[in-house]
Protein backbone atom coordinates (compact mmCIF):
# COMPACT_ATOMS: atom_id res chain seq x y z
CA MET A 1 6.84 -3.02 23.85
CA VAL A 2 5.03 -2.78 20.50
CA LEU A 3 1.29 -2.45 20.87
CA ALA A 4 -0.52 -4.00 17.91
CA LEU A 5 -3.37 -2.05 16.39
CA ALA A 6 -5.73 -5.00 16.49
CA ALA A 7 -9.41 -4.33 16.03
CA ALA A 8 -10.14 -6.11 19.29
CA SER A 9 -8.02 -3.65 21.27
CA LEU A 10 -9.81 -0.75 19.59
CA VAL A 11 -13.22 -2.08 20.53
CA ALA A 12 -12.36 -2.98 24.10
CA ALA A 13 -10.55 0.22 25.03
CA GLN A 14 -12.28 2.82 27.16
CA PRO A 15 -11.12 6.43 27.45
CA VAL A 16 -9.50 7.40 30.73
CA SER A 17 -8.58 10.72 32.27
CA ALA A 18 -5.89 11.66 29.73
CA GLN A 19 -5.40 11.30 26.00
CA ILE A 20 -2.63 11.46 23.43
CA VAL A 21 -3.94 12.91 20.16
CA TRP A 22 -2.11 12.48 16.87
CA SER A 23 -2.35 12.39 13.09
CA LYS A 24 -2.64 8.98 11.41
CA GLY A 25 -3.26 8.37 7.72
CA GLY A 26 -4.82 11.77 7.12
CA GLU A 27 -7.21 11.64 10.10
CA ILE A 28 -7.02 12.61 13.79
CA TRP A 29 -6.72 9.75 16.29
CA THR A 30 -6.55 9.52 20.08
CA MET A 31 -5.40 6.94 22.64
CA ASN A 32 -4.69 6.47 26.32
CA ASP A 33 -1.27 7.48 27.67
CA ASP A 34 -0.04 3.87 27.57
CA GLY A 35 -1.02 3.35 23.92
CA THR A 36 -4.25 1.44 24.53
CA GLY A 37 -7.67 2.50 23.32
CA GLN A 38 -6.57 3.74 19.91
CA ARG A 39 -9.50 5.15 17.97
CA VAL A 40 -10.44 7.75 15.38
CA LEU A 41 -11.37 11.09 16.95
CA VAL A 42 -12.00 13.04 13.72
CA ALA A 43 -12.66 11.19 10.48
CA LEU A 44 -11.78 12.76 7.16
CA SER A 45 -15.48 12.74 6.33
CA ALA A 46 -16.09 15.21 9.20
CA ALA A 47 -14.30 17.96 7.22
CA PRO A 48 -15.97 17.91 3.77
CA GLY A 49 -13.75 18.92 0.88
CA MET A 50 -10.48 18.24 2.72
CA ASN A 51 -7.91 15.75 1.43
CA GLU A 52 -6.05 15.37 4.70
CA LEU A 53 -6.31 16.25 8.42
CA ARG A 54 -3.10 16.72 10.41
CA ALA A 55 -1.14 18.63 13.11
CA PRO A 56 -3.56 18.40 16.06
CA GLY A 57 -3.16 20.73 19.03
CA ALA A 58 -4.62 20.50 22.54
CA HIS A 59 -4.41 22.48 25.78
CA PRO A 60 -3.12 20.24 28.62
CA SER A 61 -6.41 20.62 30.51
CA GLY A 62 -8.70 21.39 27.58
CA SER A 63 -11.54 19.43 26.00
CA ALA A 64 -11.15 20.87 22.47
CA VAL A 65 -8.70 19.81 19.77
CA THR A 66 -7.58 22.03 16.88
CA PHE A 67 -6.06 20.68 13.68
CA GLU A 68 -5.25 21.49 10.06
CA GLY A 69 -7.35 20.48 7.09
CA SER A 70 -5.78 20.71 3.63
CA THR A 71 -7.49 20.72 0.24
CA TRP A 72 -6.16 20.49 -3.32
CA VAL A 73 -9.37 21.69 -4.95
CA ASN A 74 -7.66 24.93 -6.03
CA LYS A 75 -4.33 23.34 -6.96
CA VAL A 76 -2.68 25.15 -9.89
CA THR A 77 0.29 23.66 -11.71
CA ASN A 78 2.22 25.81 -14.16
CA ASN A 79 4.76 24.34 -16.57
CA GLY A 80 5.06 27.54 -18.59
CA LEU A 81 8.24 28.73 -16.87
CA CYS A 82 10.06 25.41 -17.16
CA GLY A 83 13.47 26.47 -18.46
CA THR A 84 12.60 30.19 -18.42
CA PHE A 85 14.32 30.69 -15.08
CA PRO A 86 16.48 27.55 -14.90
CA THR A 87 18.28 28.62 -11.73
CA MET A 88 15.02 29.20 -9.87
CA TYR A 89 12.39 26.82 -11.20
CA PRO A 90 11.99 23.09 -11.64
CA CYS A 91 9.63 21.96 -14.39
CA VAL A 92 6.57 21.80 -12.15
CA THR A 93 5.45 24.74 -10.00
CA THR A 94 2.39 24.39 -7.81
CA HIS A 95 0.14 26.59 -5.68
CA TYR A 96 -2.97 25.73 -3.66
CA GLY A 97 -4.80 29.06 -3.43
CA PHE A 98 -5.98 31.05 -0.43
CA TYR A 99 -6.52 28.90 2.68
CA GLY A 100 -5.36 25.72 0.98
CA THR A 101 -4.88 24.78 4.62
CA GLY A 102 -7.41 25.83 7.23
CA THR A 103 -7.87 25.53 10.99
CA TYR A 104 -10.58 23.24 12.41
CA ARG A 105 -11.75 22.62 15.96
CA TRP A 106 -13.22 19.43 17.46
CA ALA A 107 -15.26 19.82 20.66
CA ALA A 108 -17.71 17.32 22.17
CA GLY A 109 -17.87 15.37 18.92
CA LYS A 110 -18.62 18.35 16.67
CA VAL A 111 -16.23 19.76 14.08
CA GLU A 112 -16.18 23.36 12.82
CA ARG A 113 -13.92 25.20 10.41
CA LEU A 114 -12.44 28.37 11.93
CA SER A 115 -10.72 29.62 8.76
CA PRO A 116 -12.42 31.22 5.75
CA PRO A 117 -13.31 28.89 2.87
CA ALA A 118 -10.53 27.87 0.49
CA ALA A 119 -10.40 30.08 -2.61
CA TYR A 120 -8.64 30.07 -5.97
CA CYS A 121 -5.42 32.00 -6.52
CA TRP A 122 -3.33 31.48 -9.64
CA ASN A 123 0.06 32.25 -8.16
CA CYS A 124 -0.26 31.96 -4.41
CA SER A 125 -0.74 29.62 -1.49
CA SER A 126 -1.70 30.71 2.01
CA GLY A 127 -3.06 29.36 5.24
CA PRO A 128 -2.41 28.61 8.92
CA SER A 129 -0.34 25.71 10.22
CA ASP A 130 0.16 24.00 13.59
CA PRO A 131 -2.90 25.54 15.31
CA GLU A 132 -2.92 25.26 19.12
CA PRO A 133 -5.77 26.24 21.45
CA ARG A 134 -5.56 28.33 24.59
CA ALA A 135 -7.73 27.72 27.64
CA ASP A 136 -9.99 30.65 26.68
CA GLY A 137 -10.81 29.09 23.31
CA SER A 138 -8.59 31.35 21.19
CA VAL A 139 -6.11 29.75 18.81
CA VAL A 140 -2.45 30.48 18.02
CA SER A 141 -0.99 29.36 14.68
CA THR A 142 1.61 30.26 12.06
CA PHE A 143 0.14 31.88 8.96
CA THR A 144 2.19 31.53 5.77
CA HIS A 145 1.68 33.24 2.41
CA CYS A 146 3.63 32.16 -0.68
CA GLN A 147 3.50 33.62 -4.17
CA GLY A 148 5.43 33.27 -7.40
CA PHE A 149 5.87 31.85 -10.90
CA LEU A 150 4.62 35.07 -12.47
CA GLY A 151 6.14 38.47 -13.29
CA ASP A 152 9.83 38.58 -12.40
CA GLY A 153 10.00 34.88 -11.56
CA THR A 154 10.26 35.19 -7.78
CA TYR A 155 8.78 32.64 -5.43
CA ASP A 156 8.68 33.90 -1.87
CA CYS A 157 7.08 32.81 1.38
CA ASP A 158 6.48 35.03 4.40
CA ALA A 159 5.16 33.77 7.73
CA ALA A 160 3.73 35.43 10.82
CA ILE A 161 2.29 34.38 14.17
CA ASN A 162 -1.50 34.61 14.21
CA ALA A 163 -3.53 34.81 17.43
CA SER A 164 -7.31 34.68 16.95
CA SER A 165 -7.70 36.84 20.06
CA GLY A 166 -5.93 39.71 18.30
CA GLU A 167 -2.47 40.03 19.92
CA ALA A 168 0.44 40.91 17.64
CA TYR A 169 3.68 38.89 17.82
CA PRO A 170 6.21 40.50 15.44
CA SER A 171 8.97 38.15 14.33
CA CYS A 172 11.15 37.08 11.38
CA VAL A 173 9.62 36.09 8.02
CA ASP A 174 10.55 32.41 8.51
CA VAL A 175 8.83 32.05 11.89
CA ALA A 176 7.33 28.59 12.47
CA SER A 177 5.70 26.32 15.06
CA ALA A 178 4.10 29.02 17.21
CA SER A 179 2.90 27.55 20.52
CA PRO A 180 1.17 29.32 23.44
CA ASN A 181 2.38 28.74 27.01
CA PRO A 182 -0.38 26.76 28.80
CA ALA A 183 0.49 28.43 32.12
CA THR A 184 0.96 31.98 30.76
CA PRO A 185 -1.18 32.10 27.60
CA SER A 186 0.10 35.47 26.38
CA GLN A 187 3.59 33.98 25.97
CA VAL A 188 4.34 32.25 22.67
CA LEU A 189 7.21 29.92 21.78
CA HIS A 190 8.40 29.70 18.17
CA THR A 191 11.19 28.55 15.84
CA GLY A 192 12.42 29.77 12.44
CA CYS A 193 14.56 32.74 13.53
CA THR A 194 18.28 32.94 14.21
CA SER A 195 20.51 34.33 16.97
CA ALA A 196 24.18 35.00 16.19
CA GLY A 197 23.87 32.77 13.13
CA THR A 198 22.35 29.78 14.90
CA ASN A 199 18.77 28.50 14.91
CA ALA A 200 16.93 29.82 17.95
CA LEU A 201 14.03 28.82 20.15
CA VAL A 202 12.35 32.08 21.10
CA VAL A 203 9.79 32.91 23.80
CA THR A 204 7.96 36.23 23.49
CA GLY A 205 4.96 38.14 24.73
CA PRO A 206 2.71 40.39 22.62
CA ASP A 207 4.65 43.07 20.70
CA ARG A 208 7.90 41.32 21.69
CA ALA A 209 7.40 41.99 25.40
CA GLY A 210 9.93 39.92 27.36
CA GLU A 211 11.29 38.36 24.16
CA ARG A 212 14.23 36.04 24.84
CA VAL A 213 16.20 33.21 23.28
CA VAL A 214 15.92 30.08 25.41
CA ALA A 215 18.01 27.71 23.25
CA CYS A 216 20.02 27.45 20.02
CA ASP A 217 21.13 24.65 17.73
CA ASP A 218 23.04 24.16 14.46
CA GLY A 219 19.87 22.65 12.93
CA GLU A 220 16.37 24.11 13.07
CA GLN A 221 14.39 22.75 16.02
CA ASN A 222 11.30 20.74 15.11
CA ASP A 223 7.87 21.57 16.55
CA PRO A 224 8.85 22.29 20.20
CA ALA A 225 6.32 22.01 23.02
CA TRP A 226 5.77 23.33 26.55
CA SER A 227 5.44 21.27 29.72
CA PRO A 228 1.94 21.58 31.25
CA ASP A 229 3.21 23.97 33.95
CA GLY A 230 5.10 26.12 31.42
CA SER A 231 8.47 25.63 33.12
CA GLN A 232 10.16 23.48 30.45
CA ILE A 233 10.36 23.18 26.68
CA VAL A 234 11.11 20.03 24.70
CA ALA A 235 12.41 20.14 21.13
CA ALA A 236 13.56 17.62 18.54
CA GLU A 237 16.89 18.60 17.01
CA GLY A 238 19.28 17.38 14.33
CA GLY A 239 22.76 18.80 13.90
CA THR A 240 25.81 17.52 15.72
CA ASP A 241 23.93 16.36 18.85
CA PRO A 242 20.62 15.02 17.50
CA GLY A 243 17.71 13.85 19.60
CA LEU A 244 15.34 15.29 22.18
CA TRP A 245 16.49 18.29 24.21
CA VAL A 246 14.75 19.77 27.26
CA TYR A 247 15.30 23.44 28.14
CA GLY A 248 14.29 25.71 30.98
CA ALA A 249 11.60 28.10 29.74
CA GLY A 250 13.28 30.86 31.73
CA ASN A 251 16.59 30.61 29.84
CA THR A 252 17.80 33.89 28.32
CA ALA A 253 20.68 32.98 26.01
CA CYS A 254 22.07 30.38 23.62
CA PHE A 255 23.77 27.37 25.22
CA ALA A 256 23.19 28.66 28.75
CA GLY A 257 20.83 27.99 31.62
CA ALA A 258 18.92 24.76 32.09
CA LEU A 259 19.46 22.33 29.21
CA ARG A 260 19.49 18.56 28.96
CA HIS A 261 20.08 16.11 26.11
CA ALA A 262 17.17 13.88 27.10
CA VAL A 263 17.25 11.19 24.38
CA ILE A 264 20.07 10.55 21.91
CA ALA A 265 18.99 9.89 18.32
CA PRO A 266 20.85 7.00 16.66
CA ALA A 267 22.89 7.76 13.54
CA GLY A 268 20.67 8.24 10.50
CA GLN A 269 17.47 8.48 12.55
CA SER A 270 15.47 11.60 13.38
CA PHE A 271 12.93 12.53 16.04
CA TRP A 272 9.93 14.78 15.38
CA SER A 273 7.16 16.66 17.20
CA PRO A 274 7.81 15.89 20.89
CA ALA A 275 5.13 16.69 23.47
CA PHE A 276 4.90 16.35 27.25
CA VAL A 277 2.44 13.72 28.50
CA GLY A 278 1.64 15.24 31.86
CA ALA A 279 4.73 15.77 33.98
CA SER A 280 6.09 12.23 33.72
CA ARG A 281 6.43 11.28 30.02
CA ILE A 282 7.34 12.71 26.61
CA VAL A 283 5.81 11.36 23.40
CA PHE A 284 7.42 11.87 19.98
CA GLU A 285 7.60 10.49 16.44
CA SER A 286 10.41 8.48 14.89
CA GLN A 287 10.21 6.69 11.54
CA GLY A 288 6.46 7.10 11.34
CA GLU A 289 5.72 5.63 14.79
CA LEU A 290 5.00 7.22 18.17
CA TRP A 291 7.22 6.47 21.17
CA SER A 292 7.28 7.67 24.78
CA VAL A 293 10.11 8.12 27.29
CA ALA A 294 10.40 9.33 30.85
CA ALA A 295 10.31 13.13 31.01
CA GLY A 296 13.37 13.07 33.27
CA CYS A 297 15.54 11.19 30.76
CA ASP A 298 19.16 12.35 30.62
CA ARG A 299 21.05 11.04 27.58
CA CYS A 300 18.73 8.04 27.40
CA ALA A 301 19.30 5.53 24.61
CA PHE A 302 16.82 4.93 21.81
CA PRO A 303 14.98 2.64 21.45
CA GLY A 304 16.14 0.94 24.64
CA ALA A 305 14.68 3.52 27.04
CA ALA A 306 11.54 4.13 24.96
CA THR A 307 8.12 2.49 24.69
CA GLN A 308 6.60 2.10 21.23
CA LEU A 309 2.94 3.16 21.22
CA THR A 310 1.89 2.62 17.59
CA SER A 311 2.63 0.37 14.63
CA GLY A 312 1.84 0.50 10.93
CA ALA A 313 3.54 3.85 10.14
CA ASN A 314 1.81 7.10 9.06
CA ASN A 315 1.73 8.31 12.69
CA SER A 316 2.86 11.86 13.46
CA ALA A 317 2.44 15.12 15.39
CA PRO A 318 1.33 13.95 18.86
CA THR A 319 -0.12 16.27 21.49
CA TRP A 320 -1.67 15.62 24.91
CA THR A 321 -4.53 16.66 27.16
CA SER A 322 -5.71 15.45 30.57
CA ASP A 323 -9.33 15.57 29.32
CA PRO A 324 -10.80 12.19 28.24
CA LEU A 325 -12.17 13.70 24.99
CA VAL A 326 -15.40 11.72 25.12
CA ALA A 327 -18.09 12.73 22.62
CA PRO A 328 -21.75 12.72 23.69
CA THR A 329 -23.66 9.67 22.51
CA THR A 330 -27.07 9.41 20.92
CA PRO A 331 -29.68 6.77 21.93
CA GLY A 332 -28.46 3.38 20.79
CA GLY A 333 -24.82 4.20 21.46
CA ALA A 334 -23.86 5.77 18.13
CA THR A 335 -21.45 8.68 18.44
CA THR A 336 -22.09 12.15 17.13
CA PRO A 337 -20.33 13.04 13.85
CA GLY A 338 -16.59 13.46 14.11
CA GLY A 339 -15.81 11.66 17.35
CA GLY A 340 -16.38 8.82 19.77
CA THR A 341 -15.05 5.32 20.35
CA THR A 342 -16.24 3.54 17.23
CA PRO A 343 -13.17 1.70 15.79
CA THR A 344 -13.64 2.99 12.25
CA SER A 345 -13.44 6.39 10.63
CA GLY A 346 -16.60 6.06 8.62
CA ALA A 347 -14.72 7.36 5.58
CA ALA A 348 -14.65 5.14 2.50
CA PRO A 349 -10.93 5.65 1.75
CA ASP A 350 -10.04 3.99 5.05
CA VAL A 351 -11.77 0.83 3.88
CA VAL A 352 -10.86 0.54 0.21
CA ALA A 353 -8.00 2.93 -0.51
CA PRO A 354 -4.43 1.58 -0.67
CA SER A 355 -2.09 2.41 2.20
CA ALA A 356 1.70 2.45 2.44
CA ASP A 357 4.16 1.40 5.13
CA LEU A 358 6.93 4.04 5.04
CA SER A 359 8.76 2.92 8.17
CA LYS A 360 11.87 1.98 6.16
CA THR A 361 12.23 5.48 4.69
CA THR A 362 15.09 7.33 6.37
CA LYS A 363 14.00 10.67 7.82
CA THR A 364 17.42 12.30 7.35
CA GLN A 365 19.26 11.65 4.07
CA LYS A 366 22.57 12.73 2.54
CA VAL A 367 21.84 13.91 -1.00
CA GLY A 368 24.85 16.07 -1.86
CA LYS A 369 26.50 13.45 -4.09
CA THR A 370 23.58 11.32 -5.25
CA ARG A 371 21.21 14.27 -5.96
CA LYS A 372 18.38 11.89 -5.18
CA LEU A 373 15.91 11.26 -2.35
CA THR A 374 15.15 7.62 -1.61
CA LEU A 375 11.73 6.42 -0.46
CA LYS A 376 11.23 2.86 0.73
CA LEU A 377 7.67 1.64 1.14
CA THR A 378 5.32 -1.31 0.92
CA ALA A 379 1.77 -0.90 -0.42
CA SER A 380 -1.25 -2.74 0.98
CA GLU A 381 -2.52 -3.44 -2.55
CA GLY A 382 -1.50 -2.96 -6.15
CA ALA A 383 -1.42 0.77 -6.89
CA THR A 384 0.20 3.56 -8.85
CA LEU A 385 2.31 5.88 -6.72
CA THR A 386 2.79 9.55 -7.59
CA VAL A 387 5.31 11.58 -5.57
CA THR A 388 5.37 15.38 -5.57
CA GLY A 389 6.63 17.92 -3.07
CA ALA A 390 8.92 20.84 -2.36
CA ILE A 391 12.06 21.66 -0.43
CA LYS A 392 11.55 24.19 2.36
CA VAL A 393 14.37 26.74 2.12
CA THR A 394 14.52 30.47 2.79
CA GLY A 395 13.20 32.63 -0.04
CA LYS A 396 12.02 29.92 -2.42
CA ASP A 397 10.66 26.38 -2.29
CA PRO A 398 12.05 24.32 -5.21
CA LYS A 399 9.49 21.75 -6.30
CA LEU A 400 10.08 17.99 -6.52
CA GLY A 401 8.57 15.46 -8.90
CA PRO A 402 6.24 14.31 -10.12
CA VAL A 403 7.62 10.75 -10.00
CA THR A 404 5.25 7.91 -10.89
CA GLN A 405 5.86 4.23 -10.17
CA PRO A 406 3.66 1.09 -10.04
CA LEU A 407 3.55 -0.80 -6.73
CA VAL A 408 2.85 -4.49 -6.13
CA ALA A 409 0.84 -5.46 -3.05
CA GLY A 410 3.07 -6.50 -0.14
CA THR A 411 6.30 -6.08 -2.12
CA PRO A 412 8.89 -3.59 -0.82
CA ALA A 413 9.59 -0.84 -3.35
CA THR A 414 12.33 1.77 -3.68
CA VAL A 415 11.45 5.10 -5.28
CA LYS A 416 14.09 7.64 -6.32
CA VAL A 417 13.19 11.35 -6.47
CA ARG A 418 15.74 13.31 -8.51
CA LEU A 419 16.85 16.74 -7.29
CA GLY A 420 17.16 19.14 -10.22
CA SER A 421 19.72 21.91 -10.69
CA SER A 422 17.51 24.57 -9.10
CA ALA A 423 16.92 22.37 -6.06
CA MET A 424 20.63 21.65 -5.66
CA LYS A 425 21.49 25.34 -5.96
CA ALA A 426 19.02 26.18 -3.19
CA LEU A 427 20.32 23.29 -1.06
CA ASN A 428 23.95 24.31 -1.45
CA ALA A 429 23.08 27.87 -0.43
CA ALA A 430 21.23 26.59 2.64
CA TRP A 431 24.03 24.21 3.64
CA ALA A 432 26.55 27.03 3.31
CA LYS A 433 24.55 28.88 5.97
CA ARG A 434 24.48 25.75 8.18
CA LYS A 435 20.77 25.28 7.57
CA THR A 436 19.11 21.87 7.33
CA PRO A 437 16.51 22.02 4.54
CA VAL A 438 13.47 19.76 4.70
CA ALA A 439 11.83 18.03 1.74
CA ARG A 440 8.05 17.94 2.19
CA LEU A 441 6.73 15.09 0.08
CA GLN A 442 3.22 14.17 -0.94
CA LEU A 443 2.66 10.51 -1.87
CA THR A 444 -0.59 9.58 -3.62
CA LEU A 445 -1.50 5.91 -4.14
CA LYS A 446 -4.33 5.03 -6.55
CA ASP A 447 -5.58 1.50 -7.13
CA ALA A 448 -7.12 0.02 -10.29
CA THR A 449 -10.66 0.99 -9.26
CA GLY A 450 -9.76 4.64 -8.69
CA ASN A 451 -9.62 4.65 -4.88
CA SER A 452 -6.76 6.81 -3.68
CA ARG A 453 -5.00 7.85 -0.50
CA THR A 454 -2.44 10.60 0.02
CA VAL A 455 0.12 10.70 2.81
CA ARG A 456 2.86 13.20 3.61
CA ARG A 457 6.44 12.61 4.62
CA GLU A 458 9.18 15.05 5.61
CA VAL A 459 12.86 14.26 5.03
CA LYS A 460 15.76 16.36 6.30
CA LEU A 461 18.43 16.90 3.65
CA ARG A 462 22.13 16.94 4.41
CA ARG A 463 25.16 17.41 2.22
């Protein structure tokens, strides 16, 4: 059942004893488990200087929400090496400085930045991603530092697990999606490493205590999550058996122990960012919308066994908490800054900036022969679209774009993003190692009066 995002439903909805929290159009939203009561939890205006808010995290019984804020204020683009290192560089190389992304926390309607202020760096980008809170208030995230386009022409990214409470979690340099166990907070789940040449889901304690591989796949697992009791893990996977997989958190080897292909992804369609909704449901993203299925699904069909919770695209990265996430109110019923049930974000771009429906853009694309990415979208008003981005591969991140194209209001448009020789070389190397690279795209729409909106889209790239 598709639940329309009508203003009337937003106004009438009242928070209940559990909430799904997700990223929508660069802000943080929340809704009841059944999809009703959709409202802005954190408006973009609550994090001054940020261009986008995304990747919320919540403890299953917590009342605080962490999330990323990203800024382009320190963006540096260098064309000087275009052609200097033709096998390594496209014609646009970009960095966003120190803490171009930062961790924020929402609690009781108030928003605070936990990371240091963003700062200029000519040849580097750094910052945390996918922050998740523990019950004690500490936060676990993945901190990534990238540098390049100077000196010998290298462009390298190293990542590490960061715990604000001070524990050390040594791992591989490509570690990603670090997530604390809600039942045993010292345990952390992560992706990005390999076991016997396959992509591994790894559970570890501080200093690798009790480290074990709980699952493997021929494609890198996407943003896995724990069940509230810490006994199961759900992951979105591509590869030869794509879809949602559920694993026993106590597994100790690849392809062994408790494992279940919960939901089968149709050909050409990908699932992203699954999360348990209590013990009974799983919520996840597909094609820019959020869906839920029974947690006990075993080879369930999609979309037949699923319930669609959102419409309008630009929905991603769901998480869940049993707390109602109600902000205190001031006399007269107005909510405190950054939260509440008012059905508007309070940020001007949500009212006047153009938006884009990207639901027709395929999340997994074959680009080996065409050497092009294809974006299909429809703009809410006449606008100029600019597409930039990068391909996430080990050792270097070849840049994409910029591609600029005018859009007509309400008219479907197709945008082609060419993959240059350096990008194809990196892709071929990744495919040879049975990796599935991901293109991380940034789409900026600007109308005739100068109002703009930026959205992000990830596309898996196959040969």
